[in-house]
Protein backbone atom coordinates (compact mmCIF):
# COMPACT_ATOMS: atom_id res chain seq x y z
CA MET A 1 69.49 -29.91 -117.72
CA GLY A 2 66.61 -31.45 -115.80
CA LYS A 3 63.66 -33.44 -117.04
CA VAL A 4 60.05 -32.42 -116.41
CA ILE A 5 57.44 -35.12 -116.07
CA TRP A 6 53.85 -33.96 -115.81
CA ALA A 7 51.52 -35.95 -113.61
CA PRO A 8 48.49 -37.01 -115.67
CA SER A 9 46.24 -35.35 -113.08
CA ALA A 10 48.15 -32.07 -113.48
CA LEU A 11 47.66 -32.08 -117.24
CA LYS A 12 43.97 -32.79 -116.77
CA ASP A 13 43.70 -29.96 -114.23
CA VAL A 14 45.33 -27.45 -116.59
CA GLU A 15 43.02 -28.57 -119.39
CA SER A 16 39.94 -28.25 -117.17
CA ILE A 17 40.96 -24.80 -115.93
CA ALA A 18 41.65 -23.60 -119.48
CA GLU A 19 38.26 -24.91 -120.60
CA TYR A 20 36.59 -23.01 -117.77
CA ILE A 21 38.46 -19.77 -118.55
CA SER A 22 37.65 -20.10 -122.26
CA LYS A 23 33.95 -19.69 -121.46
CA ASP A 24 34.78 -16.02 -120.90
CA SER A 25 37.85 -15.60 -123.10
CA ASP A 26 39.73 -17.92 -125.45
CA TYR A 27 42.64 -15.49 -125.35
CA MET A 28 42.90 -15.59 -121.54
CA ALA A 29 42.63 -19.39 -121.55
CA ALA A 30 45.51 -19.65 -124.04
CA LEU A 31 47.53 -17.10 -122.05
CA PHE A 32 46.95 -19.06 -118.84
CA VAL A 33 48.18 -22.31 -120.45
CA ARG A 34 51.21 -20.59 -121.98
CA ARG A 35 52.18 -19.04 -118.64
CA ILE A 36 51.80 -22.37 -116.85
CA LYS A 37 54.02 -24.07 -119.42
CA ASP A 38 56.59 -21.26 -119.28
CA SER A 39 56.80 -21.45 -115.49
CA ILE A 40 57.27 -25.21 -115.61
CA GLU A 41 59.89 -24.98 -118.37
CA ARG A 42 62.20 -23.09 -116.01
CA LEU A 43 62.56 -26.32 -114.04
CA LYS A 44 64.52 -27.79 -116.97
CA GLU A 45 67.27 -25.21 -116.54
CA PHE A 46 66.87 -24.64 -112.81
CA PRO A 47 65.61 -27.95 -111.41
CA PHE A 48 65.91 -26.86 -107.79
CA SER A 49 63.93 -23.64 -108.29
CA GLY A 50 60.62 -25.32 -107.56
CA ARG A 51 59.36 -26.13 -104.11
CA VAL A 52 59.94 -29.59 -102.66
CA ILE A 53 56.54 -31.27 -102.61
CA PRO A 54 55.76 -31.44 -98.87
CA GLU A 55 53.71 -34.63 -99.10
CA ILE A 56 56.58 -36.44 -100.83
CA GLY A 57 59.65 -34.84 -99.24
CA ASP A 58 62.00 -35.96 -102.03
CA GLN A 59 64.53 -33.24 -102.99
CA LEU A 60 64.36 -34.38 -106.62
CA ARG A 61 60.59 -33.86 -106.93
CA ARG A 62 59.54 -30.23 -107.23
CA GLU A 63 56.41 -28.23 -107.83
CA ILE A 64 55.64 -24.73 -109.02
CA ILE A 65 52.84 -22.81 -107.31
CA TYR A 66 51.03 -20.68 -109.87
CA ARG A 67 48.86 -17.68 -109.07
CA ALA A 68 45.30 -17.11 -110.23
CA HIS A 69 44.82 -16.36 -113.92
CA THR A 70 43.19 -13.00 -113.22
CA GLU A 71 46.28 -11.43 -111.69
C-alpha cells in the first residue's frame, strides 16, 4: 500500500476552493472536499494510477487531476 503526502499548498487550495463554494452551498462544498479526498485515497491502493507530475518527472510522484465541482 502506498503513502499519500499532501503538499501544504494543495491542502490550502482545497480549503480555499471549499470556502468559495460554501458561499453558495455548504453541502456542495462538503461534497467537493469528500470527492477530492476519495480520489486521492485511491492512490494508497493503486499508487501508479495517478499521472506522473510533468514538472518533476519522478515515477514515484503522482497527481490526480480533478474536474470542476459543478459537473
